[in-house]
């Protein structure tokens, strides 16, 4: 790529989907620097620690959570050197910061990375969208919801670029624990993100236990809503286990040990956890929208309507009762991930969406 590339991100560190997307993007754009080669990709991160980390391909500057610090870093970067700058902004809320970098002659790419793009963009965010030369969405569903919320953009082209999965850590030698024959849900338990479906699973689980004795549920993740959910699940404690946050290796073991994965979310911008489960050869129960772009109903899993608990119950019971069905779906999911959703596939997709050489 000609000129400098600067990536604006909420953060590279962490296990959440946005941090994973940020690592995918920076690695996709990074090219080895040399005497006549491109300079390292500069990464300006809002939440990463306030230090500089430099390699031959990446130069990361964290603002330690300070938005003012990020703005100042962007102003310094915008004033540094001459020549074109390609700014890649990985969250719509950072659009105003991107304007500090997008001086005349530069290029700005805005990435629509989730549900923050499903509401109307105002003021500086709208200005950043108007200023951007390219819009990239992580799912067709997110692109559609963005258009519905921002009709003033008309039918402007939005490239859809599904993320992929990073290479997994080696599985831990010991199992994650919990009931034998368990379903798995992985996700942040935040009071602002109750759309992920934890409550819906707790609603149907007494009937699951009655129909499939010994069936268990392992809940991986943490957040400010965890205590409430654990209190709700206390009468079902014999079959439900909350693990809190786990290491990458422990998460890989949980995917490997579970019977199937279930997250009946009604508002996912994408859903990397489905791909992680599919890569491990597990059938998935998912909600519609973006997860339905990953989970093929009846092929790699089952897509249910989160507003209809009976549909979720039937899907969970079917996968517990039909091991051959879930194993066949798991094999199909692993094949699909290997065919479409590796990090190498993402690199090609993302660079093509940005119009840069592969």
Protein backbone atom coordinates (compact mmCIF):
# COMPACT_ATOMS: atom_id res chain seq x y z
CA UNK A 1 0.00 0.00 0.00
CA UNK A 2 1.24 3.48 -0.79
CA UNK A 3 1.55 6.04 1.98
CA UNK A 4 0.94 5.55 5.69
CA UNK A 5 -1.80 3.41 7.17
CA UNK A 6 -3.33 4.33 10.53
CA UNK A 7 -5.86 2.11 12.29
CA UNK A 8 -8.16 3.57 14.96
CA UNK A 9 -9.53 0.97 17.36
CA UNK A 10 -11.19 0.80 20.77
CA UNK A 11 -8.56 -1.80 21.70
CA UNK A 12 -6.41 -4.69 20.51
CA UNK A 13 -6.20 -6.48 23.85
CA UNK A 14 -9.02 -8.63 25.18
CA UNK A 15 -11.15 -11.59 24.17
CA UNK A 16 -14.24 -9.71 22.98
CA UNK A 17 -15.31 -9.67 19.36
CA UNK A 18 -14.18 -6.10 18.68
CA UNK A 19 -10.67 -6.75 20.00
CA UNK A 20 -10.50 -9.89 17.87
CA UNK A 21 -11.66 -7.92 14.82
CA UNK A 22 -9.01 -5.30 15.57
CA UNK A 23 -6.28 -7.91 15.64
CA UNK A 24 -7.57 -9.43 12.41
CA UNK A 25 -7.59 -6.04 10.67
CA UNK A 26 -4.16 -4.91 11.83
CA UNK A 27 -2.61 -8.24 10.86
CA UNK A 28 -4.37 -8.13 7.50
CA UNK A 29 -2.94 -4.69 6.76
CA UNK A 30 0.53 -5.24 8.18
CA UNK A 31 3.36 -5.66 5.70
CA UNK A 32 7.01 -6.19 6.61
CA UNK A 33 8.93 -2.93 6.65
CA UNK A 34 12.25 -2.64 4.89
CA UNK A 35 14.67 -0.11 3.41
CA UNK A 36 12.36 0.45 0.45
CA UNK A 37 9.22 -1.17 1.80
CA UNK A 38 6.19 0.31 3.56
CA UNK A 39 6.35 1.76 7.05
CA UNK A 40 4.68 -0.19 9.87
CA UNK A 41 0.94 0.22 10.26
CA UNK A 42 0.34 2.75 13.04
CA UNK A 43 -2.40 1.66 15.47
CA UNK A 44 -4.01 4.22 17.77
CA UNK A 45 -5.95 2.42 20.50
CA UNK A 46 -8.35 4.00 22.97
CA UNK A 47 -8.29 1.40 25.75
CA UNK A 48 -4.92 -0.32 25.47
CA UNK A 49 -2.22 0.64 27.97
CA UNK A 50 -0.52 4.02 27.36
CA UNK A 51 2.67 2.72 25.89
CA UNK A 52 4.23 2.35 22.47
CA UNK A 53 4.77 -1.15 21.09
CA UNK A 54 6.67 -1.39 17.83
CA UNK A 55 7.53 -4.29 15.52
CA UNK A 56 8.59 -4.48 11.90
CA UNK A 57 4.95 -4.38 10.79
CA UNK A 58 2.96 -2.68 13.58
CA UNK A 59 3.42 0.44 15.70
CA UNK A 60 0.80 0.47 18.49
CA UNK A 61 0.09 3.54 20.65
CA UNK A 62 -2.38 3.09 23.51
CA UNK A 63 -4.29 5.95 25.16
CA UNK A 64 -5.08 4.09 28.40
CA UNK A 65 -8.80 4.81 28.12
CA UNK A 66 -8.36 8.56 27.70
CA UNK A 67 -10.38 9.89 24.78
CA UNK A 68 -8.50 13.18 25.02
CA UNK A 69 -5.23 11.25 24.85
CA UNK A 70 -6.46 9.48 21.72
CA UNK A 71 -7.46 12.79 20.11
CA UNK A 72 -4.04 14.29 20.86
CA UNK A 73 -2.32 11.21 19.44
CA UNK A 74 -4.46 11.50 16.29
CA UNK A 75 -3.61 15.21 15.91
CA UNK A 76 0.09 14.45 16.28
CA UNK A 77 -0.18 11.64 13.76
CA UNK A 78 -2.06 13.86 11.32
CA UNK A 79 0.66 16.49 11.53
CA UNK A 80 3.48 13.97 11.17
CA UNK A 81 5.25 13.73 7.83
CA UNK A 82 3.95 14.25 4.35
CA UNK A 83 2.23 12.09 1.80
CA UNK A 84 -1.14 10.33 1.78
CA UNK A 85 -2.59 8.68 4.86
CA UNK A 86 -5.08 5.79 4.80
CA UNK A 87 -7.17 5.90 7.99
CA UNK A 88 -9.12 2.76 8.90
CA UNK A 89 -11.61 3.43 11.71
CA UNK A 90 -12.92 0.28 13.42
CA UNK A 91 -15.76 1.79 15.43
CA UNK A 92 -18.29 4.41 14.44
CA UNK A 93 -17.91 6.15 17.82
CA UNK A 94 -14.29 6.91 16.88
CA UNK A 95 -15.36 8.68 13.69
CA UNK A 96 -14.79 12.15 15.18
CA UNK A 97 -11.21 11.13 16.07
CA UNK A 98 -10.70 9.89 12.52
CA UNK A 99 -11.48 13.41 11.27
CA UNK A 100 -8.35 14.62 13.08
CA UNK A 101 -6.33 12.37 10.77
CA UNK A 102 -8.24 12.60 7.52
CA UNK A 103 -6.58 15.67 6.08
CA UNK A 104 -6.91 16.63 2.39
CA UNK A 105 -5.53 13.92 0.12
CA UNK A 106 -5.97 11.17 2.70
CA UNK A 107 -8.35 8.21 2.53
CA UNK A 108 -10.82 7.25 5.26
CA UNK A 109 -12.44 3.83 5.59
CA UNK A 110 -15.18 3.42 8.18
CA UNK A 111 -15.86 -0.11 9.41
CA UNK A 112 -19.40 -0.81 10.65
CA UNK A 113 -18.48 -3.30 13.32
CA UNK A 114 -21.68 -4.00 15.20
CA UNK A 115 -24.88 -2.73 16.74
CA UNK A 116 -23.45 0.76 17.36
CA UNK A 117 -24.04 1.27 13.62
CA UNK A 118 -27.75 0.39 13.92
CA UNK A 119 -28.77 3.82 15.24
CA UNK A 120 -28.78 7.21 13.50
CA UNK A 121 -25.34 8.84 13.22
CA UNK A 122 -25.28 12.42 14.45
CA UNK A 123 -22.98 15.40 14.06
CA UNK A 124 -19.29 14.44 13.89
CA UNK A 125 -20.04 10.76 13.30
CA UNK A 126 -22.23 11.67 10.34
CA UNK A 127 -19.50 13.98 9.07
CA UNK A 128 -16.96 11.14 9.28
CA UNK A 129 -19.33 8.91 7.31
CA UNK A 130 -19.72 11.59 4.62
CA UNK A 131 -15.96 12.07 4.54
CA UNK A 132 -15.20 8.37 4.21
CA UNK A 133 -14.30 6.97 0.83
CA UNK A 134 -15.29 3.41 1.73
CA UNK A 135 -17.77 1.80 4.10
CA UNK A 136 -17.20 -1.80 5.17
CA UNK A 137 -19.70 -3.82 7.26
CA UNK A 138 -18.90 -7.05 9.07
CA UNK A 139 -22.23 -8.61 8.03
CA UNK A 140 -25.01 -8.02 5.52
CA UNK A 141 -27.40 -7.69 8.47
CA UNK A 142 -25.33 -4.86 9.98
CA UNK A 143 -25.19 -3.12 6.59
CA UNK A 144 -28.98 -3.39 6.27
CA UNK A 145 -29.66 -2.10 9.79
CA UNK A 146 -27.20 0.76 9.23
CA UNK A 147 -29.01 1.80 6.04
CA UNK A 148 -32.37 1.67 7.78
CA UNK A 149 -31.09 3.94 10.56
CA UNK A 150 -29.29 6.35 8.20
CA UNK A 151 -31.43 6.79 5.09
CA UNK A 152 -29.73 10.11 4.36
CA UNK A 153 -26.78 8.13 2.99
CA UNK A 154 -28.99 6.84 0.21
CA UNK A 155 -27.87 3.66 -1.51
CA UNK A 156 -24.20 4.27 -0.97
CA UNK A 157 -22.12 1.16 -1.53
CA UNK A 158 -21.24 -0.83 1.59
CA UNK A 159 -18.80 -3.71 1.19
CA UNK A 160 -19.64 -6.73 3.34
CA UNK A 161 -16.56 -8.42 4.78
CA UNK A 162 -17.20 -11.26 7.23
CA UNK A 163 -14.43 -11.63 9.84
CA UNK A 164 -12.59 -14.90 10.33
CA UNK A 165 -11.21 -16.73 13.33
CA UNK A 166 -7.73 -16.28 14.74
CA UNK A 167 -5.55 -19.33 15.18
CA UNK A 168 -6.63 -21.07 18.42
CA UNK A 169 -4.52 -21.60 21.51
CA UNK A 170 -3.63 -25.19 22.35
CA UNK A 171 -6.42 -26.81 24.42
CA UNK A 172 -5.86 -27.09 28.15
CA UNK A 173 -4.99 -30.59 29.35
CA UNK A 174 -7.95 -30.69 31.76
CA UNK A 175 -11.63 -30.28 30.88
CA UNK A 176 -13.44 -27.10 31.86
CA UNK A 177 -15.69 -29.07 34.23
CA UNK A 178 -19.43 -28.89 34.66
CA UNK A 179 -22.23 -31.36 34.00
CA UNK A 180 -21.64 -34.25 31.66
CA UNK A 181 -23.25 -33.82 28.23
CA UNK A 182 -23.47 -30.05 28.29
CA UNK A 183 -24.49 -27.28 25.94
CA UNK A 184 -22.23 -24.21 25.89
CA UNK A 185 -22.90 -20.48 25.69
CA UNK A 186 -20.03 -17.98 25.50
CA UNK A 187 -20.64 -14.27 25.80
CA UNK A 188 -20.42 -11.14 27.91
CA UNK A 189 -23.11 -10.94 30.58
CA UNK A 190 -23.80 -7.21 30.57
CA UNK A 191 -27.02 -5.55 31.64
CA UNK A 192 -26.90 -3.54 28.42
CA UNK A 193 -26.53 -6.71 26.33
CA UNK A 194 -29.33 -8.96 27.53
CA UNK A 195 -30.19 -9.64 23.91
CA UNK A 196 -27.63 -12.47 23.82
CA UNK A 197 -30.19 -14.96 25.16
CA UNK A 198 -28.98 -16.04 28.60
CA UNK A 199 -32.40 -15.36 30.15
CA UNK A 200 -34.17 -17.24 27.40
CA UNK A 201 -32.00 -20.30 28.04
CA UNK A 202 -32.74 -20.14 31.77
CA UNK A 203 -36.46 -19.90 30.97
CA UNK A 204 -36.48 -23.15 29.00
CA UNK A 205 -33.91 -25.11 31.00
CA UNK A 206 -36.29 -26.66 33.57
CA UNK A 207 -38.12 -28.31 30.67
CA UNK A 208 -34.81 -29.39 29.12
CA UNK A 209 -33.89 -31.07 32.43
CA UNK A 210 -37.26 -32.80 32.57
CA UNK A 211 -36.95 -34.11 29.01
CA UNK A 212 -33.23 -34.97 29.03
CA UNK A 213 -32.06 -36.01 32.51
CA UNK A 214 -28.44 -35.08 33.05
CA UNK A 215 -28.39 -32.40 30.35
CA UNK A 216 -26.17 -29.51 31.43
CA UNK A 217 -25.39 -25.94 30.47
CA UNK A 218 -21.98 -24.30 30.86
CA UNK A 219 -21.97 -20.50 30.79
CA UNK A 220 -18.63 -18.89 29.93
CA UNK A 221 -18.10 -15.16 30.37
CA UNK A 222 -18.49 -12.37 32.88
CA UNK A 223 -20.05 -8.95 33.27
CA UNK A 224 -22.20 -6.78 35.50
CA UNK A 225 -25.26 -8.98 34.87
CA UNK A 226 -23.64 -12.24 35.93
CA UNK A 227 -24.80 -12.09 39.58
CA UNK A 228 -28.42 -11.63 38.53
CA UNK A 229 -28.22 -14.55 36.09
CA UNK A 230 -26.55 -16.79 38.66
CA UNK A 231 -29.32 -15.97 41.14
CA UNK A 232 -31.91 -16.90 38.53
CA UNK A 233 -30.10 -20.17 37.84
CA UNK A 234 -29.64 -21.14 41.51
CA UNK A 235 -32.65 -23.50 41.58
CA UNK A 236 -31.08 -25.26 38.57
CA UNK A 237 -27.56 -25.35 40.01
CA UNK A 238 -27.25 -29.11 39.55
CA UNK A 239 -27.24 -28.70 35.77
CA UNK A 240 -25.88 -25.18 35.15
CA UNK A 241 -22.29 -24.03 35.73
CA UNK A 242 -20.98 -20.46 35.44
CA UNK A 243 -17.22 -20.42 34.81
CA UNK A 244 -16.52 -16.69 34.60
CA UNK A 245 -13.72 -15.61 32.28
CA UNK A 246 -11.45 -18.39 31.08
CA UNK A 247 -8.14 -18.53 29.25
CA UNK A 248 -7.93 -19.12 25.51
CA UNK A 249 -6.82 -22.69 26.15
CA UNK A 250 -9.69 -23.32 28.59
CA UNK A 251 -12.16 -21.85 26.09
CA UNK A 252 -10.81 -24.12 23.37
CA UNK A 253 -11.30 -27.07 25.74
CA UNK A 254 -14.88 -25.97 26.48
CA UNK A 255 -15.68 -25.89 22.76
CA UNK A 256 -14.07 -29.31 22.32
CA UNK A 257 -15.94 -30.90 25.26
CA UNK A 258 -19.44 -29.48 24.77
CA UNK A 259 -22.22 -31.36 23.00
CA UNK A 260 -23.18 -28.26 21.02
CA UNK A 261 -23.10 -24.46 21.18
CA UNK A 262 -26.18 -22.33 21.83
CA UNK A 263 -26.59 -18.55 21.87
CA UNK A 264 -30.11 -17.48 20.82
CA UNK A 265 -29.15 -13.82 20.39
CA UNK A 266 -31.57 -11.41 18.80
CA UNK A 267 -29.12 -8.58 18.04
CA UNK A 268 -25.64 -9.71 16.96
CA UNK A 269 -23.58 -7.56 14.63
CA UNK A 270 -21.69 -10.70 13.60
CA UNK A 271 -20.97 -13.46 16.15
CA UNK A 272 -17.39 -14.77 16.20
CA UNK A 273 -18.30 -17.29 18.90
CA UNK A 274 -20.37 -19.26 16.38
CA UNK A 275 -17.33 -19.57 14.12
CA UNK A 276 -15.18 -20.64 17.06
CA UNK A 277 -17.68 -23.38 17.91
CA UNK A 278 -17.98 -24.46 14.27
CA UNK A 279 -14.20 -24.64 13.96
CA UNK A 280 -14.26 -27.04 16.92
CA UNK A 281 -16.74 -29.22 15.03
CA UNK A 282 -19.82 -28.25 17.03
CA UNK A 283 -23.38 -27.70 15.87
CA UNK A 284 -24.76 -24.25 16.76
CA UNK A 285 -28.16 -22.95 17.84
CA UNK A 286 -28.36 -19.30 16.79
CA UNK A 287 -30.80 -16.47 16.32
CA UNK A 288 -31.61 -14.86 12.96
CA UNK A 289 -29.84 -11.88 11.42
CA UNK A 290 -26.04 -11.88 11.28
CA UNK A 291 -25.68 -15.30 13.01
CA UNK A 292 -27.89 -16.72 10.26
CA UNK A 293 -25.21 -15.68 7.76
CA UNK A 294 -22.80 -18.03 9.53
CA UNK A 295 -24.99 -20.88 10.77
CA UNK A 296 -26.80 -22.64 7.94
CA UNK A 297 -30.13 -23.82 9.30
CA UNK A 298 -30.34 -27.60 9.15
CA UNK A 299 -26.78 -27.89 7.82
CA UNK A 300 -24.32 -26.53 10.40
CA UNK A 301 -26.87 -25.91 13.14
CA UNK A 302 -30.37 -24.62 13.83
CA UNK A 303 -31.58 -21.01 13.54
CA UNK A 304 -34.41 -20.16 15.93
CA UNK A 305 -36.61 -17.15 16.63
CA UNK A 306 -35.65 -15.79 20.09
CA UNK A 307 -39.19 -14.45 20.54
CA UNK A 308 -40.54 -18.05 20.47
CA UNK A 309 -39.19 -20.09 23.42
CA UNK A 310 -40.78 -23.26 22.06
CA UNK A 311 -38.54 -23.09 18.99
CA UNK A 312 -35.43 -22.82 21.16
CA UNK A 313 -36.61 -25.67 23.38
CA UNK A 314 -37.18 -27.95 20.39
CA UNK A 315 -33.75 -27.12 18.95
CA UNK A 316 -31.94 -27.81 22.23
CA UNK A 317 -33.85 -31.05 22.82
CA UNK A 318 -33.18 -32.23 19.27
CA UNK A 319 -29.42 -31.73 19.55
CA UNK A 320 -29.27 -33.44 22.93
CA UNK A 321 -31.34 -36.39 21.70
CA UNK A 322 -29.76 -36.81 18.25
CA UNK A 323 -25.99 -37.17 18.59
CA UNK A 324 -25.62 -38.25 14.95
CA UNK A 325 -27.42 -35.10 13.81
CA UNK A 326 -25.30 -32.73 15.89
CA UNK A 327 -22.09 -34.51 14.94
CA UNK A 328 -22.95 -34.25 11.24
CA UNK A 329 -23.74 -30.55 11.63
CA UNK A 330 -20.47 -30.08 13.51
CA UNK A 331 -18.47 -31.68 10.73
CA UNK A 332 -20.21 -29.47 8.16
CA UNK A 333 -19.47 -26.40 10.28
CA UNK A 334 -15.78 -27.22 10.55
CA UNK A 335 -15.60 -27.65 6.78
CA UNK A 336 -17.30 -24.29 6.22
CA UNK A 337 -14.93 -22.46 8.56
CA UNK A 338 -11.91 -23.99 6.83
CA UNK A 339 -13.37 -23.06 3.44
CA UNK A 340 -14.49 -19.48 4.18
CA UNK A 341 -13.58 -18.13 7.60
CA UNK A 342 -9.89 -18.57 8.32
CA UNK A 343 -7.66 -15.58 9.00
CA UNK A 344 -6.16 -15.95 5.51
CA UNK A 345 -9.64 -15.74 3.96
CA UNK A 346 -10.36 -12.61 5.98
CA UNK A 347 -7.10 -11.00 4.89
CA UNK A 348 -7.99 -11.44 1.23
CA UNK A 349 -11.57 -10.24 1.76
CA UNK A 350 -10.60 -7.19 3.77
CA UNK A 351 -7.81 -6.02 1.49
CA UNK A 352 -10.12 -6.46 -1.52
CA UNK A 353 -12.82 -4.40 0.25
CA UNK A 354 -10.25 -1.63 0.79
CA UNK A 355 -9.00 -1.85 -2.77
CA UNK A 356 -5.42 -2.70 -1.84
CA UNK A 357 -3.28 -5.47 -3.38
CA UNK A 358 -3.57 -8.91 -1.75
